[in-house]
Protein backbone atom coordinates (compact mmCIF):
# COMPACT_ATOMS: atom_id res chain seq x y z
CA MET A 1 383.16 283.13 -19.35
CA THR A 2 383.78 281.96 -22.80
CA ASP A 3 383.09 285.57 -24.24
CA PRO A 4 386.28 287.71 -24.81
CA LEU A 5 384.45 290.72 -23.49
CA VAL A 6 383.88 288.89 -20.16
CA GLN A 7 387.33 287.52 -19.89
CA ARG A 8 388.81 290.95 -20.42
CA MET A 9 386.55 292.88 -17.75
CA LEU A 10 386.96 290.37 -15.26
CA LEU A 11 390.79 289.97 -15.62
CA VAL A 12 391.03 293.82 -15.42
CA ALA A 13 388.88 293.87 -12.35
CA LEU A 14 391.03 291.06 -10.77
CA MET A 15 393.98 293.13 -11.09
CA VAL A 16 392.87 296.30 -10.00
CA GLY A 17 390.98 294.82 -7.24
CA ALA A 18 394.05 293.28 -5.81
CA THR A 19 396.71 296.25 -6.55
CA ALA A 20 394.49 299.36 -5.63
CA PRO A 21 394.42 298.71 -1.90
CA ILE A 22 397.79 298.01 -1.68
CA VAL A 23 398.74 301.56 -2.29
CA GLY A 24 395.87 302.36 -0.46
CA THR A 25 397.14 300.98 2.66
CA TYR A 26 400.19 303.12 2.59
CA LEU A 27 398.17 306.13 1.98
CA VAL A 28 395.74 305.83 4.99
CA HIS A 29 398.74 305.10 7.09
CA ARG A 30 400.17 308.60 6.00
CA ARG A 31 396.77 310.26 6.32
CA MET A 32 396.95 311.28 2.57
CA SER A 33 393.71 309.39 1.62
CA LEU A 34 392.74 312.09 -0.95
CA LEU A 35 395.66 311.73 -2.86
CA GLY A 36 394.51 309.17 -5.32
CA ASP A 37 391.72 311.93 -6.00
CA GLY A 38 394.56 314.89 -6.73
CA ILE A 39 396.50 312.63 -8.82
CA GLY A 40 393.11 311.30 -10.61
CA HIS A 41 392.32 314.83 -11.69
CA VAL A 42 395.80 315.51 -13.13
CA ALA A 43 395.59 312.17 -14.98
CA LEU A 44 392.44 313.46 -16.53
CA ALA A 45 394.32 316.29 -18.16
CA GLY A 46 396.75 313.55 -19.15
CA VAL A 47 393.99 311.91 -20.91
CA ALA A 48 392.93 314.96 -22.67
CA ALA A 49 396.36 315.68 -23.64
CA GLY A 50 396.68 312.19 -25.27
CA TRP A 51 393.44 312.93 -27.24
CA LEU A 52 395.11 316.09 -28.55
CA ALA A 53 398.35 314.43 -29.70
CA GLY A 54 396.28 311.87 -31.50
CA SER A 55 394.31 314.41 -33.17
CA TRP A 56 397.44 316.46 -34.04
CA ALA A 57 398.96 313.19 -35.25
CA ASP A 58 395.59 312.38 -37.49
CA LEU A 59 395.81 308.48 -35.78
CA ALA A 60 392.74 306.51 -36.99
CA GLN A 61 391.91 306.03 -33.14
CA VAL A 62 392.09 309.52 -31.93
CA ASP A 63 392.37 308.34 -28.25
CA ALA A 64 395.24 305.85 -28.63
CA LEU A 65 397.51 307.84 -26.74
CA ALA A 66 395.04 308.70 -23.89
CA ILE A 67 396.41 306.22 -21.37
CA PRO A 68 400.09 306.83 -22.09
CA GLY A 69 399.23 310.54 -21.72
CA ALA A 70 397.45 309.73 -18.27
CA ILE A 71 400.30 307.91 -17.05
CA VAL A 72 402.81 310.49 -17.79
CA PHE A 73 400.64 313.21 -16.35
CA ALA A 74 399.62 311.30 -13.14
CA VAL A 75 403.42 310.57 -12.66
CA ALA A 76 404.34 314.12 -13.18
CA GLY A 77 401.72 315.19 -11.00
CA ALA A 78 402.65 312.83 -8.13
CA VAL A 79 406.16 314.17 -8.35
CA VAL A 80 405.18 317.71 -8.14
CA ILE A 81 402.74 316.93 -5.05
CA GLU A 82 405.64 315.17 -3.14
CA ARG A 83 408.06 317.59 -3.84
CA MET A 84 406.00 320.43 -2.72
CA ARG A 85 404.74 318.37 0.45
CA ALA A 86 408.17 317.36 1.37
CA ARG A 87 409.71 321.21 1.08
CA GLY A 88 406.63 322.57 2.85
CA VAL A 89 405.49 324.86 0.02
CA ALA A 90 401.93 324.57 0.83
CA ALA A 91 399.90 322.41 3.16
CA ALA A 92 398.74 319.03 1.90
CA ASP A 93 395.07 320.14 1.61
CA VAL A 94 395.93 323.27 -0.42
CA ILE A 95 398.12 321.06 -2.75
CA MET A 96 395.12 318.56 -3.18
CA ALA A 97 392.59 321.44 -4.00
CA ILE A 98 394.95 322.90 -6.82
CA MET A 99 395.47 319.57 -8.14
CA PHE A 100 391.49 318.83 -8.19
CA TYR A 101 390.55 322.00 -9.77
CA GLY A 102 393.67 322.65 -12.27
CA GLY A 103 393.71 319.11 -13.36
CA ILE A 104 389.75 318.73 -14.37
CA ALA A 105 389.70 322.27 -15.90
CA SER A 106 392.79 321.55 -17.82
CA GLY A 107 391.23 318.00 -19.03
CA VAL A 108 388.29 320.00 -20.32
CA LEU A 109 389.87 322.70 -22.18
CA LEU A 110 392.37 320.34 -24.11
CA ILE A 111 389.73 317.95 -24.90
CA SER A 112 387.89 320.90 -26.25
CA VAL A 113 391.02 322.10 -28.34
CA ALA A 114 391.41 318.87 -29.63
CA GLY A 115 387.73 318.75 -31.30
CA GLY A 116 385.94 316.53 -28.90
CA SER A 117 383.40 317.01 -26.25
CA ASN A 118 382.88 316.56 -22.56
CA ALA A 119 381.00 313.37 -23.29
CA ASN A 120 384.36 312.03 -24.53
CA LEU A 121 385.72 312.40 -20.95
CA MET A 122 382.77 310.58 -19.07
CA GLY A 123 384.30 306.97 -19.95
CA TYR A 124 387.40 308.17 -18.19
CA LEU A 125 385.71 309.89 -15.47
CA PHE A 126 383.56 306.98 -14.10
CA GLY A 127 385.23 304.20 -15.88
CA SER A 128 384.24 302.27 -19.03
CA ILE A 129 385.45 298.66 -18.22
CA SER A 130 382.95 297.05 -21.10
CA THR A 131 385.19 299.00 -23.65
CA ALA A 132 388.84 297.98 -22.64
CA SER A 133 390.41 296.18 -25.52
CA TRP A 134 393.18 293.51 -25.14
CA ALA A 135 395.71 296.30 -25.23
CA ASP A 136 394.20 298.04 -22.37
CA VAL A 137 394.16 294.81 -20.46
CA TRP A 138 397.73 294.10 -20.95
CA VAL A 139 398.66 297.88 -20.17
CA THR A 140 396.57 297.27 -16.88
CA VAL A 141 398.35 293.84 -16.28
CA GLY A 142 401.91 295.23 -16.70
CA LEU A 143 401.03 298.38 -14.20
CA SER A 144 399.34 295.85 -11.74
CA ALA A 145 402.45 293.65 -11.75
CA LEU A 146 404.59 296.76 -11.23
CA ILE A 147 402.62 297.61 -8.35
CA LEU A 148 402.57 294.34 -6.71
CA ALA A 149 406.41 293.94 -7.18
CA ILE A 150 407.05 297.27 -5.37
CA GLY A 151 404.51 297.55 -3.21
CA LEU A 152 404.89 294.00 -1.89
CA GLY A 153 408.74 293.62 -2.59
CA LEU A 154 409.39 296.81 -0.57
CA ARG A 155 406.90 296.49 2.06
CA SER A 156 409.05 296.75 5.11
CA ALA A 157 411.17 299.95 3.85
CA LEU A 158 407.77 301.57 2.71
CA PHE A 159 406.16 300.88 6.03
CA ALA A 160 408.85 302.15 7.92
CA VAL A 161 408.83 305.36 6.23
CA THR A 162 404.98 305.61 6.34
CA HIS A 163 404.82 304.66 10.14
CA ASP A 164 407.66 306.63 11.71
CA GLN A 165 410.02 308.83 9.40
CA GLU A 166 412.41 309.58 12.00
CA PHE A 167 412.83 305.87 12.88
CA ALA A 168 413.40 305.40 9.27
CA TYR A 169 416.02 308.12 8.90
CA SER A 170 417.96 306.54 11.99
CA THR A 171 418.36 303.37 10.27
CA GLY A 172 419.72 304.79 6.98
CA LEU A 173 416.71 304.30 4.70
CA PRO A 174 416.10 306.66 1.69
CA VAL A 175 413.38 308.37 3.11
CA ALA A 176 412.97 310.72 0.28
CA VAL A 177 413.21 308.33 -2.33
CA LEU A 178 410.82 306.03 -0.73
CA ASN A 179 408.37 308.93 -0.23
CA MET A 180 408.59 309.85 -3.58
CA LEU A 181 407.93 306.08 -4.77
CA VAL A 182 404.58 305.83 -2.82
CA ALA A 183 403.42 309.05 -4.72
CA VAL A 184 404.48 307.50 -7.93
CA LEU A 185 402.76 304.09 -7.18
CA ALA A 186 399.70 306.16 -6.35
CA ALA A 187 399.97 307.60 -9.89
CA ILE A 188 400.41 304.21 -11.35
CA THR A 189 397.36 302.59 -9.50
CA VAL A 190 395.20 305.50 -10.80
CA THR A 191 395.92 304.88 -14.34
CA ALA A 192 395.53 301.23 -13.73
CA ALA A 193 392.11 301.48 -12.23
CA MET A 194 390.91 304.36 -14.57
CA ARG A 195 389.13 301.54 -16.53
CA VAL A 196 387.29 300.14 -13.81
CA VAL A 197 386.16 302.88 -11.80
CA GLY A 198 387.05 306.27 -13.49
CA VAL A 199 389.42 309.13 -11.70
CA LEU A 200 386.63 310.22 -9.96
CA LEU A 201 386.15 307.15 -8.00
CA VAL A 202 389.61 305.80 -7.91
CA SER A 203 390.53 306.76 -4.76
CA GLY A 204 387.31 305.05 -3.15
CA LEU A 205 388.68 301.83 -4.42
CA MET A 206 391.84 302.33 -3.15
CA ILE A 207 390.71 303.55 0.37
CA LEU A 208 387.42 301.73 1.09
CA PRO A 209 389.10 298.26 1.20
CA VAL A 210 391.61 299.44 3.77
CA ALA A 211 389.23 301.21 5.77
CA ILE A 212 387.21 297.76 6.01
CA ALA A 213 390.02 296.00 7.01
CA GLN A 214 391.21 298.13 9.58
CA LEU A 215 387.68 297.61 11.35
CA ILE A 216 388.93 294.07 11.59
CA THR A 217 392.81 294.08 12.53
CA ARG A 218 395.20 296.61 13.42
CA SER A 219 398.20 294.92 11.82
CA PHE A 220 399.65 296.55 9.02
CA THR A 221 400.47 293.33 6.95
CA ARG A 222 397.05 291.96 7.90
CA THR A 223 395.37 295.17 7.04
CA MET A 224 397.00 295.03 3.45
CA ALA A 225 396.28 291.29 2.85
CA ILE A 226 392.75 291.80 3.87
CA ALA A 227 392.14 294.83 2.02
CA MET A 228 393.37 293.15 -1.24
CA GLY A 229 390.83 290.05 -0.84
CA ILE A 230 388.03 292.71 0.07
CA GLY A 231 389.10 294.84 -3.35
CA VAL A 232 389.24 291.75 -5.45
CA ALA A 233 385.76 290.64 -4.16
CA LEU A 234 384.14 294.21 -4.53
CA CYS A 235 385.58 294.38 -8.07
CA LEU A 236 384.66 290.91 -9.20
CA THR A 237 381.22 291.12 -7.62
CA GLY A 238 380.51 294.53 -9.41
CA VAL A 239 381.48 293.37 -12.79
CA GLY A 240 379.77 290.47 -12.40
CA ILE A 241 376.49 292.11 -11.40
CA THR A 242 376.73 294.37 -14.47
CA LEU A 243 376.84 291.40 -16.73
CA PHE A 244 373.22 290.60 -15.90
CA TYR A 245 372.00 294.20 -15.02
CA ASN A 246 372.55 297.53 -17.01
CA LEU A 247 374.34 299.27 -14.22
CA GLN A 248 377.48 301.48 -14.21
CA PRO A 249 380.44 299.19 -12.94
CA GLY A 250 382.48 301.62 -11.32
CA ALA A 251 379.82 303.33 -9.25
CA LEU A 252 378.38 300.03 -8.29
CA ILE A 253 381.69 298.80 -6.99
CA VAL A 254 382.03 301.76 -4.90
CA VAL A 255 378.55 301.60 -3.48
CA LEU A 256 379.17 297.99 -2.71
CA GLY A 257 382.12 298.89 -0.74
CA VAL A 258 380.58 301.98 1.15
CA ILE A 259 377.65 299.47 2.10
CA LEU A 260 380.16 296.87 3.32
CA TYR A 261 381.78 299.36 5.38
CA VAL A 262 378.46 300.29 7.12
CA VAL A 263 377.65 296.56 7.81
CA VAL A 264 381.41 295.81 9.18
CA ALA A 265 381.48 299.08 11.08
CA SER A 266 378.07 298.20 12.66
CA GLY A 267 379.08 294.60 13.53
CA ALA A 268 382.32 295.78 15.00
CA GLY A 269 380.72 298.49 17.14
CA LEU A 270 377.89 295.98 18.31
CA ILE A 271 380.52 293.34 19.37
CA LYS A 272 382.61 295.95 21.33
CA ARG A 273 379.57 297.19 23.24
CA ARG A 274 378.85 293.43 24.15
CA ARG A 275 382.31 293.11 25.25
CA HIS A 276 382.00 296.26 27.28
CA ARG A 277 378.88 295.13 28.88
CA ARG A 278 380.32 291.68 29.60
CA ASP A 279 383.70 293.24 31.10
CA GLN A 280 381.24 295.72 33.62
CA ALA A 281 379.38 292.68 34.67
CA ARG A 282 382.55 290.58 35.56
CA LEU A 283 383.57 293.78 37.56
CA MET A 284 380.51 293.88 39.30
CA GLU A 285 380.26 290.19 40.32
CA GLY A 286 384.03 290.44 41.52
CA ALA A 287 383.47 293.64 43.48
CA PRO A 288 383.11 293.08 47.49
CA ALA A 289 379.58 293.37 49.17
């Protein structure tokens, strides 16, 4: 724990694990679970664009502008996706597909123009938490603080828009603004979690804790709280294991999430079947002879 590298890894894992499920809760209730994937691919193009800008500026650290580029592209992509969705320009799945393929193809092209190789994108595709500098840590902390402030501070308004837009309209809430805010929060979450799980797996960290929490409770507030706890546990456990074993942290975190989902789902199903049989037995006992 006295090693600065371990401190940076655990701090980033803690912040991302706590904040990713906040936005994930809104996305799951909006039935837009794959939005993080679409934005992640756009963020990858931003990484490559930042790399290209650093190369043109002849910076000593060529990838110094990679994260700022990812933030700009991710937010811009989120705004475009939400505006197209709200105007009904195309179906949500079509928009996601365009972002998927356009983002990753643009990233590969831009990184080649910058003089890099596809190998330079691997850390951003699957995460590279062990290479995070203190500058990366403070960027992640700042983005996470913003997500916590908006995601929790405006929870009531965001829930109203997420759950029932007609009701939100009738109460005078700025529905369009709040919808855009959820999309922008998803973009910020993707860039914050990029170092931990990478853009290809970030949606798993946003959605899996929420899916597990929904097996335990149906309350929106409790789902978010439990999902945050699960996200922190998964990230810290995954990073902790990789301190002793040579495993890829991002992939391990997502695999642990999948395993936990299967275990909880199996347990919930078993409990439900037992309750059903018990209720049936009680009905049979109370039935007339």
